[in-house]
PDB file of N, CA and C in Angstrom:
ATOM      1  N   MET A   1      92.346 -52.183  82.085  1.00  0.00           N
ATOM      2  CA  MET A   1      92.106 -52.020  83.544  1.00  0.00           C
ATOM      3  C   MET A   1      90.660 -52.443  83.879  1.00  0.00           C
ATOM      4  N   ASN A   2      90.551 -53.364  84.823  1.00  0.00           N
ATOM      5  CA  ASN A   2      89.280 -53.817  85.277  1.00  0.00           C
ATOM      6  C   ASN A   2      88.958 -53.051  86.619  1.00  0.00           C
ATOM      7  N   ILE A   3      87.692 -52.647  86.763  1.00  0.00           N
ATOM      8  CA  ILE A   3      87.246 -51.866  87.930  1.00  0.00           C
ATOM      9  C   ILE A   3      86.007 -52.556  88.470  1.00  0.00           C
ATOM     10  N   THR A   4      86.029 -52.850  89.747  1.00  0.00           N
ATOM     11  CA  THR A   4      84.770 -53.370  90.412  1.00  0.00           C
ATOM     12  C   THR A   4      84.513 -52.511  91.658  1.00  0.00           C
ATOM     13  N   ASN A   5      83.354 -52.193  91.938  1.00  0.00           N
ATOM     14  CA  ASN A   5      82.844 -51.430  93.090  1.00  0.00           C
ATOM     15  C   ASN A   5      81.997 -52.262  93.973  1.00  0.00           C
ATOM     16  N   SER A   6      82.021 -52.055  95.265  1.00  0.00           N
ATOM     17  CA  SER A   6      81.086 -52.625  96.169  1.00  0.00           C
ATOM     18  C   SER A   6      80.919 -51.663  97.345  1.00  0.00           C
ATOM     19  N   LEU A   7      79.657 -51.518  97.817  1.00  0.00           N
ATOM     20  CA  LEU A   7      79.311 -50.688  98.857  1.00  0.00           C
ATOM     21  C   LEU A   7      78.725 -51.506  99.972  1.00  0.00           C
ATOM     22  N   GLN A   8      79.266 -51.414 101.205  1.00  0.00           N
ATOM     23  CA  GLN A   8      78.782 -52.070 102.396  1.00  0.00           C
ATOM     24  C   GLN A   8      79.006 -51.244 103.586  1.00  0.00           C
ATOM     25  N   GLY A   9      77.931 -50.918 104.289  1.00  0.00           N
ATOM     26  CA  GLY A   9      78.009 -50.164 105.522  1.00  0.00           C
ATOM     27  C   GLY A   9      78.636 -48.788 105.330  1.00  0.00           C
ATOM     28  N   GLY A  10      78.363 -48.144 104.253  1.00  0.00           N
ATOM     29  CA  GLY A  10      78.943 -46.855 103.950  1.00  0.00           C
ATOM     30  C   GLY A  10      80.401 -46.814 103.483  1.00  0.00           C
ATOM     31  N   VAL A  11      80.963 -48.051 103.274  1.00  0.00           N
ATOM     32  CA  VAL A  11      82.296 -48.151 102.781  1.00  0.00           C
ATOM     33  C   VAL A  11      82.288 -48.540 101.265  1.00  0.00           C
ATOM     34  N   LEU A  12      82.794 -47.735 100.442  1.00  0.00           N
ATOM     35  CA  LEU A  12      82.866 -47.930  98.975  1.00  0.00           C
ATOM     36  C   LEU A  12      84.256 -48.548  98.762  1.00  0.00           C
ATOM     37  N   THR A  13      84.280 -49.771  98.314  1.00  0.00           N
ATOM     38  CA  THR A  13      85.545 -50.438  97.944  1.00  0.00           C
ATOM     39  C   THR A  13      85.611 -50.478  96.409  1.00  0.00           C
ATOM     40  N   VAL A  14      86.704 -49.915  95.898  1.00  0.00           N
ATOM     41  CA  VAL A  14      86.977 -49.940  94.494  1.00  0.00           C
ATOM     42  C   VAL A  14      88.192 -50.847  94.283  1.00  0.00           C
ATOM     43  N   SER A  15      88.030 -51.916  93.553  1.00  0.00           N
ATOM     44  CA  SER A  15      89.107 -52.866  93.276  1.00  0.00           C
ATOM     45  C   SER A  15      89.577 -52.667  91.789  1.00  0.00           C
ATOM     46  N   LEU A  16      90.878 -52.512  91.656  1.00  0.00           N
ATOM     47  CA  LEU A  16      91.385 -52.323  90.297  1.00  0.00           C
ATOM     48  C   LEU A  16      92.322 -53.456  89.974  1.00  0.00           C
ATOM     49  N   CYS A  17      92.340 -53.856  88.720  1.00  0.00           N
ATOM     50  CA  CYS A  17      93.202 -54.983  88.214  1.00  0.00           C
ATOM     51  C   CYS A  17      93.756 -54.592  86.910  1.00  0.00           C
ATOM     52  N   GLY A  18      95.090 -54.665  86.737  1.00  0.00           N
ATOM     53  CA  GLY A  18      95.733 -54.290  85.532  1.00  0.00           C
ATOM     54  C   GLY A  18      96.880 -53.261  85.726  1.00  0.00           C
ATOM     55  N   GLU A  19      97.025 -52.421  84.782  1.00  0.00           N
ATOM     56  CA  GLU A  19      98.115 -51.378  84.869  1.00  0.00           C
ATOM     57  C   GLU A  19      97.473 -49.982  85.063  1.00  0.00           C
ATOM     58  N   LEU A  20      97.939 -49.299  86.031  1.00  0.00           N
ATOM     59  CA  LEU A  20      97.463 -47.982  86.384  1.00  0.00           C
ATOM     60  C   LEU A  20      98.467 -46.988  85.735  1.00  0.00           C
ATOM     61  N   ASP A  21      98.148 -46.605  84.478  1.00  0.00           N
ATOM     62  CA  ASP A  21      98.992 -45.746  83.775  1.00  0.00           C
ATOM     63  C   ASP A  21      98.202 -44.701  82.994  1.00  0.00           C
ATOM     64  N   HIS A  22      98.855 -43.861  82.152  1.00  0.00           N
ATOM     65  CA  HIS A  22      98.143 -42.786  81.449  1.00  0.00           C
ATOM     66  C   HIS A  22      97.090 -43.291  80.482  1.00  0.00           C
ATOM     67  N   HIS A  23      97.225 -44.557  80.052  1.00  0.00           N
ATOM     68  CA  HIS A  23      96.214 -45.101  79.129  1.00  0.00           C
ATOM     69  C   HIS A  23      94.862 -45.353  79.705  1.00  0.00           C
ATOM     70  N   GLY A  24      94.829 -45.780  81.027  1.00  0.00           N
ATOM     71  CA  GLY A  24      93.611 -46.147  81.706  1.00  0.00           C
ATOM     72  C   GLY A  24      93.176 -45.209  82.798  1.00  0.00           C
ATOM     73  N   ALA A  25      93.973 -44.219  83.130  1.00  0.00           N
ATOM     74  CA  ALA A  25      93.697 -43.388  84.320  1.00  0.00           C
ATOM     75  C   ALA A  25      92.448 -42.578  84.111  1.00  0.00           C
ATOM     76  N   ALA A  26      92.161 -42.002  82.962  1.00  0.00           N
ATOM     77  CA  ALA A  26      90.978 -41.180  82.792  1.00  0.00           C
ATOM     78  C   ALA A  26      89.662 -42.028  83.004  1.00  0.00           C
ATOM     79  N   GLU A  27      89.659 -43.295  82.495  1.00  0.00           N
ATOM     80  CA  GLU A  27      88.523 -44.134  82.622  1.00  0.00           C
ATOM     81  C   GLU A  27      88.327 -44.497  84.154  1.00  0.00           C
ATOM     82  N   VAL A  28      89.394 -44.810  84.824  1.00  0.00           N
ATOM     83  CA  VAL A  28      89.291 -45.140  86.226  1.00  0.00           C
ATOM     84  C   VAL A  28      88.830 -43.983  87.023  1.00  0.00           C
ATOM     85  N   ARG A  29      89.379 -42.801  86.749  1.00  0.00           N
ATOM     86  CA  ARG A  29      88.964 -41.550  87.466  1.00  0.00           C
ATOM     87  C   ARG A  29      87.446 -41.342  87.295  1.00  0.00           C
ATOM     88  N   LYS A  30      86.949 -41.410  86.151  1.00  0.00           N
ATOM     89  CA  LYS A  30      85.528 -41.172  85.897  1.00  0.00           C
ATOM     90  C   LYS A  30      84.702 -42.203  86.620  1.00  0.00           C
ATOM     91  N   SER A  31      85.077 -43.439  86.634  1.00  0.00           N
ATOM     92  CA  SER A  31      84.395 -44.509  87.330  1.00  0.00           C
ATOM     93  C   SER A  31      84.298 -44.244  88.778  1.00  0.00           C
ATOM     94  N   ILE A  32      85.468 -43.966  89.362  1.00  0.00           N
ATOM     95  CA  ILE A  32      85.503 -43.806  90.838  1.00  0.00           C
ATOM     96  C   ILE A  32      84.763 -42.510  91.226  1.00  0.00           C
ATOM     97  N   ASP A  33      84.974 -41.406  90.481  1.00  0.00           N
ATOM     98  CA  ASP A  33      84.182 -40.194  90.815  1.00  0.00           C
ATOM     99  C   ASP A  33      82.770 -40.403  90.750  1.00  0.00           C
ATOM    100  N   ALA A  34      82.279 -41.090  89.667  1.00  0.00           N
ATOM    101  CA  ALA A  34      80.829 -41.340  89.616  1.00  0.00           C
ATOM    102  C   ALA A  34      80.301 -42.149  90.759  1.00  0.00           C
ATOM    103  N   ALA A  35      81.102 -43.130  91.196  1.00  0.00           N
ATOM    104  CA  ALA A  35      80.680 -43.948  92.356  1.00  0.00           C
ATOM    105  C   ALA A  35      80.672 -43.095  93.614  1.00  0.00           C
ATOM    106  N   ILE A  36      81.558 -42.256  93.822  1.00  0.00           N
ATOM    107  CA  ILE A  36      81.619 -41.360  94.979  1.00  0.00           C
ATOM    108  C   ILE A  36      80.389 -40.433  94.978  1.00  0.00           C
ATOM    109  N   ASP A  37      80.108 -39.868  93.812  1.00  0.00           N
ATOM    110  CA  ASP A  37      78.945 -38.894  93.703  1.00  0.00           C
ATOM    111  C   ASP A  37      77.625 -39.724  93.911  1.00  0.00           C
ATOM    112  N   ARG A  38      77.554 -40.907  93.399  1.00  0.00           N
ATOM    113  CA  ARG A  38      76.365 -41.696  93.490  1.00  0.00           C
ATOM    114  C   ARG A  38      76.095 -42.275  94.828  1.00  0.00           C
ATOM    115  N   GLU A  39      77.114 -42.758  95.495  1.00  0.00           N
ATOM    116  CA  GLU A  39      76.954 -43.532  96.769  1.00  0.00           C
ATOM    117  C   GLU A  39      77.178 -42.659  97.969  1.00  0.00           C
ATOM    118  N   SER A  40      77.875 -41.495  97.934  1.00  0.00           N
ATOM    119  CA  SER A  40      78.146 -40.632  99.072  1.00  0.00           C
ATOM    120  C   SER A  40      78.797 -41.467 100.218  1.00  0.00           C
ATOM    121  N   PRO A  41      79.810 -42.261 100.071  1.00  0.00           N
ATOM    122  CA  PRO A  41      80.396 -43.119 101.105  1.00  0.00           C
ATOM    123  C   PRO A  41      80.979 -42.403 102.275  1.00  0.00           C
ATOM    124  N   LYS A  42      81.144 -43.012 103.395  1.00  0.00           N
ATOM    125  CA  LYS A  42      81.782 -42.490 104.549  1.00  0.00           C
ATOM    126  C   LYS A  42      83.276 -42.757 104.407  1.00  0.00           C
ATOM    127  N   LYS A  43      83.611 -43.801 103.708  1.00  0.00           N
ATOM    128  CA  LYS A  43      84.921 -44.288 103.483  1.00  0.00           C
ATOM    129  C   LYS A  43      85.114 -44.782 102.063  1.00  0.00           C
ATOM    130  N   LEU A  44      86.235 -44.463 101.482  1.00  0.00           N
ATOM    131  CA  LEU A  44      86.671 -44.980 100.117  1.00  0.00           C
ATOM    132  C   LEU A  44      87.871 -45.885 100.365  1.00  0.00           C
ATOM    133  N   ARG A  45      87.768 -47.113  99.953  1.00  0.00           N
ATOM    134  CA  ARG A  45      88.928 -48.024 100.007  1.00  0.00           C
ATOM    135  C   ARG A  45      89.314 -48.359  98.526  1.00  0.00           C
ATOM    136  N   LEU A  46      90.539 -48.062  98.202  1.00  0.00           N
ATOM    137  CA  LEU A  46      91.085 -48.364  96.877  1.00  0.00           C
ATOM    138  C   LEU A  46      91.907 -49.671  97.094  1.00  0.00           C
ATOM    139  N   ARG A  47      91.349 -50.747  96.609  1.00  0.00           N
ATOM    140  CA  ARG A  47      92.096 -52.015  96.679  1.00  0.00           C
ATOM    141  C   ARG A  47      92.893 -52.186  95.400  1.00  0.00           C
ATOM    142  N   LEU A  48      94.254 -52.196  95.614  1.00  0.00           N
ATOM    143  CA  LEU A  48      95.168 -52.235  94.511  1.00  0.00           C
ATOM    144  C   LEU A  48      96.079 -53.423  94.468  1.00  0.00           C
ATOM    145  N   ALA A  49      95.578 -54.593  95.064  1.00  0.00           N
ATOM    146  CA  ALA A  49      96.384 -55.769  95.081  1.00  0.00           C
ATOM    147  C   ALA A  49      96.750 -56.346  93.782  1.00  0.00           C
ATOM    148  N   GLU A  50      95.881 -56.095  92.800  1.00  0.00           N
ATOM    149  CA  GLU A  50      96.120 -56.667  91.510  1.00  0.00           C
ATOM    150  C   GLU A  50      96.490 -55.677  90.426  1.00  0.00           C
ATOM    151  N   VAL A  51      97.159 -54.606  90.861  1.00  0.00           N
ATOM    152  CA  VAL A  51      97.726 -53.584  89.951  1.00  0.00           C
ATOM    153  C   VAL A  51      99.202 -53.944  89.801  1.00  0.00           C
ATOM    154  N   GLN A  52      99.577 -54.324  88.639  1.00  0.00           N
ATOM    155  CA  GLN A  52     100.948 -54.731  88.367  1.00  0.00           C
ATOM    156  C   GLN A  52     101.923 -53.577  88.116  1.00  0.00           C
ATOM    157  N   PHE A  53     101.353 -52.423  87.661  1.00  0.00           N
ATOM    158  CA  PHE A  53     102.209 -51.353  87.351  1.00  0.00           C
ATOM    159  C   PHE A  53     101.529 -50.026  87.638  1.00  0.00           C
ATOM    160  N   CYS A  54     102.252 -49.052  88.088  1.00  0.00           N
ATOM    161  CA  CYS A  54     101.729 -47.758  88.452  1.00  0.00           C
ATOM    162  C   CYS A  54     102.701 -46.689  88.095  1.00  0.00           C
ATOM    163  N   ASP A  55     102.391 -45.762  87.239  1.00  0.00           N
ATOM    164  CA  ASP A  55     103.299 -44.630  86.918  1.00  0.00           C
ATOM    165  C   ASP A  55     102.785 -43.306  87.524  1.00  0.00           C
ATOM    166  N   SER A  56     103.341 -42.225  87.112  1.00  0.00           N
ATOM    167  CA  SER A  56     102.987 -40.965  87.711  1.00  0.00           C
ATOM    168  C   SER A  56     101.464 -40.582  87.513  1.00  0.00           C
ATOM    169  N   SER A  57     100.890 -41.146  86.381  1.00  0.00           N
ATOM    170  CA  SER A  57      99.445 -40.903  86.142  1.00  0.00           C
ATOM    171  C   SER A  57      98.643 -41.684  87.160  1.00  0.00           C
ATOM    172  N   GLY A  58      99.116 -42.830  87.524  1.00  0.00           N
ATOM    173  CA  GLY A  58      98.470 -43.601  88.582  1.00  0.00           C
ATOM    174  C   GLY A  58      98.561 -42.906  89.928  1.00  0.00           C
ATOM    175  N   LEU A  59      99.736 -42.323  90.249  1.00  0.00           N
ATOM    176  CA  LEU A  59      99.911 -41.589  91.472  1.00  0.00           C
ATOM    177  C   LEU A  59      98.904 -40.360  91.458  1.00  0.00           C
ATOM    178  N   GLY A  60      98.833 -39.658  90.328  1.00  0.00           N
ATOM    179  CA  GLY A  60      97.967 -38.593  90.151  1.00  0.00           C
ATOM    180  C   GLY A  60      96.543 -38.943  90.387  1.00  0.00           C
ATOM    181  N   LEU A  61      96.162 -40.177  89.903  1.00  0.00           N
ATOM    182  CA  LEU A  61      94.772 -40.677  90.043  1.00  0.00           C
ATOM    183  C   LEU A  61      94.555 -40.922  91.566  1.00  0.00           C
ATOM    184  N   ILE A  62      95.460 -41.531  92.281  1.00  0.00           N
ATOM    185  CA  ILE A  62      95.283 -41.771  93.677  1.00  0.00           C
ATOM    186  C   ILE A  62      95.159 -40.467  94.463  1.00  0.00           C
ATOM    187  N   MET A  63      96.010 -39.575  94.107  1.00  0.00           N
ATOM    188  CA  MET A  63      95.985 -38.245  94.796  1.00  0.00           C
ATOM    189  C   MET A  63      94.725 -37.504  94.535  1.00  0.00           C
ATOM    190  N   GLY A  64      94.251 -37.558  93.340  1.00  0.00           N
ATOM    191  CA  GLY A  64      92.975 -36.874  92.916  1.00  0.00           C
ATOM    192  C   GLY A  64      91.804 -37.523  93.662  1.00  0.00           C
ATOM    193  N   ARG A  65      91.769 -38.807  93.779  1.00  0.00           N
ATOM    194  CA  ARG A  65      90.634 -39.487  94.469  1.00  0.00           C
ATOM    195  C   ARG A  65      90.771 -39.141  95.976  1.00  0.00           C
ATOM    196  N   TYR A  66      91.959 -38.956  96.539  1.00  0.00           N
ATOM    197  CA  TYR A  66      92.117 -38.497  97.896  1.00  0.00           C
ATOM    198  C   TYR A  66      91.432 -37.099  98.075  1.00  0.00           C
ATOM    199  N   ARG A  67      91.687 -36.206  97.194  1.00  0.00           N
ATOM    200  CA  ARG A  67      91.034 -34.846  97.233  1.00  0.00           C
ATOM    201  C   ARG A  67      89.520 -34.958  97.045  1.00  0.00           C
ATOM    202  N   LYS A  68      89.045 -35.778  96.052  1.00  0.00           N
ATOM    203  CA  LYS A  68      87.691 -35.872  95.842  1.00  0.00           C
ATOM    204  C   LYS A  68      86.957 -36.570  97.078  1.00  0.00           C
ATOM    205  N   ALA A  69      87.492 -37.586  97.620  1.00  0.00           N
ATOM    206  CA  ALA A  69      86.891 -38.188  98.755  1.00  0.00           C
ATOM    207  C   ALA A  69      86.861 -37.272  99.966  1.00  0.00           C
ATOM    208  N   ARG A  70      87.950 -36.593 100.261  1.00  0.00           N
ATOM    209  CA  ARG A  70      87.946 -35.627 101.327  1.00  0.00           C
ATOM    210  C   ARG A  70      86.899 -34.510 101.123  1.00  0.00           C
ATOM    211  N   SER A  71      86.871 -33.973  99.886  1.00  0.00           N
ATOM    212  CA  SER A  71      85.877 -32.961  99.717  1.00  0.00           C
ATOM    213  C   SER A  71      84.439 -33.409  99.791  1.00  0.00           C
ATOM    214  N   ALA A  72      84.241 -34.718  99.660  1.00  0.00           N
ATOM    215  CA  ALA A  72      82.904 -35.286  99.831  1.00  0.00           C
ATOM    216  C   ALA A  72      82.653 -35.806 101.268  1.00  0.00           C
ATOM    217  N   GLY A  73      83.695 -35.518 102.148  1.00  0.00           N
ATOM    218  CA  GLY A  73      83.543 -35.904 103.538  1.00  0.00           C
ATOM    219  C   GLY A  73      83.860 -37.347 103.874  1.00  0.00           C
ATOM    220  N   ALA A  74      84.581 -37.965 102.953  1.00  0.00           N
ATOM    221  CA  ALA A  74      84.923 -39.392 103.083  1.00  0.00           C
ATOM    222  C   ALA A  74      86.371 -39.560 103.506  1.00  0.00           C
ATOM    223  N   GLU A  75      86.681 -40.615 104.263  1.00  0.00           N
ATOM    224  CA  GLU A  75      88.015 -40.966 104.604  1.00  0.00           C
ATOM    225  C   GLU A  75      88.431 -41.863 103.456  1.00  0.00           C
ATOM    226  N   ILE A  76      89.708 -41.927 103.181  1.00  0.00           N
ATOM    227  CA  ILE A  76      90.279 -42.761 102.103  1.00  0.00           C
ATOM    228  C   ILE A  76      91.455 -43.607 102.589  1.00  0.00           C
ATOM    229  N   THR A  77      91.504 -44.847 102.114  1.00  0.00           N
ATOM    230  CA  THR A  77      92.614 -45.721 102.368  1.00  0.00           C
ATOM    231  C   THR A  77      92.998 -46.533 101.140  1.00  0.00           C
ATOM    232  N   VAL A  78      94.192 -46.899 101.024  1.00  0.00           N
ATOM    233  CA  VAL A  78      94.662 -47.817  99.994  1.00  0.00           C
ATOM    234  C   VAL A  78      94.842 -49.193 100.675  1.00  0.00           C
ATOM    235  N   CYS A  79      94.081 -50.144 100.092  1.00  0.00           N
ATOM    236  CA  CYS A  79      94.071 -51.479 100.722  1.00  0.00           C
ATOM    237  C   CYS A  79      94.867 -52.464  99.928  1.00  0.00           C
ATOM    238  N   ASP A  80      95.665 -53.176 100.525  1.00  0.00           N
ATOM    239  CA  ASP A  80      96.437 -54.308  99.926  1.00  0.00           C
ATOM    240  C   ASP A  80      97.155 -53.938  98.630  1.00  0.00           C
ATOM    241  N   PRO A  81      97.941 -52.844  98.686  1.00  0.00           N
ATOM    242  CA  PRO A  81      98.592 -52.396  97.404  1.00  0.00           C
ATOM    243  C   PRO A  81      99.632 -53.494  97.035  1.00  0.00           C
ATOM    244  N   SER A  82      99.792 -53.684  95.717  1.00  0.00           N
ATOM    245  CA  SER A  82     100.836 -54.611  95.214  1.00  0.00           C
ATOM    246  C   SER A  82     102.134 -54.004  95.599  1.00  0.00           C
ATOM    247  N   ALA A  83     103.200 -54.730  95.479  1.00  0.00           N
ATOM    248  CA  ALA A  83     104.579 -54.298  95.821  1.00  0.00           C
ATOM    249  C   ALA A  83     104.928 -53.066  94.970  1.00  0.00           C
ATOM    250  N   ALA A  84     104.533 -53.093  93.681  1.00  0.00           N
ATOM    251  CA  ALA A  84     104.858 -52.026  92.743  1.00  0.00           C
ATOM    252  C   ALA A  84     104.081 -50.727  93.181  1.00  0.00           C
ATOM    253  N   VAL A  85     102.867 -50.771  93.518  1.00  0.00           N
ATOM    254  CA  VAL A  85     102.137 -49.620  93.938  1.00  0.00           C
ATOM    255  C   VAL A  85     102.669 -49.063  95.274  1.00  0.00           C
ATOM    256  N   GLU A  86     102.903 -49.980  96.228  1.00  0.00           N
ATOM    257  CA  GLU A  86     103.364 -49.477  97.557  1.00  0.00           C
ATOM    258  C   GLU A  86     104.709 -48.797  97.371  1.00  0.00           C
ATOM    259  N   LYS A  87     105.589 -49.382  96.533  1.00  0.00           N
ATOM    260  CA  LYS A  87     106.875 -48.814  96.394  1.00  0.00           C
ATOM    261  C   LYS A  87     106.875 -47.377  95.839  1.00  0.00           C
ATOM    262  N   ILE A  88     106.034 -47.212  94.788  1.00  0.00           N
ATOM    263  CA  ILE A  88     105.931 -45.811  94.205  1.00  0.00           C
ATOM    264  C   ILE A  88     105.213 -44.896  95.148  1.00  0.00           C
ATOM    265  N   MET A  89     104.255 -45.322  95.858  1.00  0.00           N
ATOM    266  CA  MET A  89     103.586 -44.483  96.845  1.00  0.00           C
ATOM    267  C   MET A  89     104.493 -44.055  97.928  1.00  0.00           C
ATOM    268  N   ARG A  90     105.332 -44.931  98.420  1.00  0.00           N
ATOM    269  CA  ARG A  90     106.317 -44.575  99.428  1.00  0.00           C
ATOM    270  C   ARG A  90     107.416 -43.599  98.931  1.00  0.00           C
ATOM    271  N   LEU A  91     107.855 -43.844  97.699  1.00  0.00           N
ATOM    272  CA  LEU A  91     108.816 -42.984  97.044  1.00  0.00           C
ATOM    273  C   LEU A  91     108.258 -41.540  96.878  1.00  0.00           C
ATOM    274  N   ALA A  92     107.017 -41.495  96.544  1.00  0.00           N
ATOM    275  CA  ALA A  92     106.356 -40.167  96.378  1.00  0.00           C
ATOM    276  C   ALA A  92     105.904 -39.561  97.677  1.00  0.00           C
ATOM    277  N   GLY A  93     105.944 -40.276  98.748  1.00  0.00           N
ATOM    278  CA  GLY A  93     105.494 -39.771 100.044  1.00  0.00           C
ATOM    279  C   GLY A  93     104.025 -39.837 100.290  1.00  0.00           C
ATOM    280  N   LEU A  94     103.254 -40.520  99.445  1.00  0.00           N
ATOM    281  CA  LEU A  94     101.841 -40.638  99.549  1.00  0.00           C
ATOM    282  C   LEU A  94     101.437 -41.472 100.840  1.00  0.00           C
ATOM    283  N   ASP A  95     102.330 -42.326 101.235  1.00  0.00           N
ATOM    284  CA  ASP A  95     101.963 -43.162 102.442  1.00  0.00           C
ATOM    285  C   ASP A  95     101.989 -42.324 103.668  1.00  0.00           C
ATOM    286  N   LYS A  96     102.439 -41.116 103.572  1.00  0.00           N
ATOM    287  CA  LYS A  96     102.355 -40.173 104.776  1.00  0.00           C
ATOM    288  C   LYS A  96     100.987 -39.494 104.711  1.00  0.00           C
ATOM    289  N   LEU A  97     100.373 -39.464 103.589  1.00  0.00           N
ATOM    290  CA  LEU A  97      99.076 -38.735 103.511  1.00  0.00           C
ATOM    291  C   LEU A  97      97.874 -39.684 103.422  1.00  0.00           C
ATOM    292  N   ILE A  98      98.055 -40.823 102.853  1.00  0.00           N
ATOM    293  CA  ILE A  98      96.998 -41.785 102.635  1.00  0.00           C
ATOM    294  C   ILE A  98      97.321 -43.062 103.381  1.00  0.00           C
ATOM    295  N   LYS A  99      96.460 -43.503 104.241  1.00  0.00           N
ATOM    296  CA  LYS A  99      96.661 -44.720 105.027  1.00  0.00           C
ATOM    297  C   LYS A  99      96.718 -45.942 104.109  1.00  0.00           C
ATOM    298  N   ILE A 100      97.678 -46.784 104.369  1.00  0.00           N
ATOM    299  CA  ILE A 100      97.772 -48.034 103.653  1.00  0.00           C
ATOM    300  C   ILE A 100      97.331 -49.199 104.638  1.00  0.00           C
ATOM    301  N   GLU A 101      96.344 -49.957 104.199  1.00  0.00           N
ATOM    302  CA  GLU A 101      95.786 -51.006 105.074  1.00  0.00           C
ATOM    303  C   GLU A 101      96.145 -52.381 104.421  1.00  0.00           C
ATOM    304  N   ARG A 102      96.353 -53.380 105.268  1.00  0.00           N
ATOM    305  CA  ARG A 102      96.545 -54.772 104.881  1.00  0.00           C
ATOM    306  C   ARG A 102      95.364 -55.486 105.412  1.00  0.00           C
ATOM    307  N   SER A 103      94.578 -56.237 104.575  1.00  0.00           N
ATOM    308  CA  SER A 103      93.461 -57.024 105.029  1.00  0.00           C
ATOM    309  C   SER A 103      93.836 -58.469 105.062  1.00  0.00           C
ATOM    310  N   THR A 104      93.104 -59.231 105.920  1.00  0.00           N
ATOM    311  CA  THR A 104      93.273 -60.658 105.982  1.00  0.00           C
ATOM    312  C   THR A 104      92.469 -61.358 104.985  1.00  0.00           C
ATOM    313  N   GLU A 105      91.508 -60.664 104.372  1.00  0.00           N
ATOM    314  CA  GLU A 105      90.691 -61.148 103.369  1.00  0.00           C
ATOM    315  C   GLU A 105      91.211 -60.798 101.979  1.00  0.00           C
ATOM    316  N   LYS A 106      91.560 -61.777 101.127  1.00  0.00           N
ATOM    317  CA  LYS A 106      92.037 -61.449  99.790  1.00  0.00           C
ATOM    318  C   LYS A 106      91.146 -61.692  98.727  1.00  0.00           C
TER     319      LYS A 106
END
């Protein structure tokens, strides 16, 4: 799993590339939590366009970052989820809790 972070105007964008499963979820969680603690963003954007696979551990990671961001006073969105991620989010009902955004910039 590759993770990149960028902060612009109080918006922390975390881009993930690879498979979001139990093998990489702990590393991703630590990285995102550290970035939230360090940057204190107003908004957290999880960009998941390049995530080819997401299992229940990935859903747990997304839900946990929702709670972490909210407790830090930040809004959270999932940006450009891959078809696999969007499908599992919708099946689990996370799309009702976490806003899904589509950007024109890829």
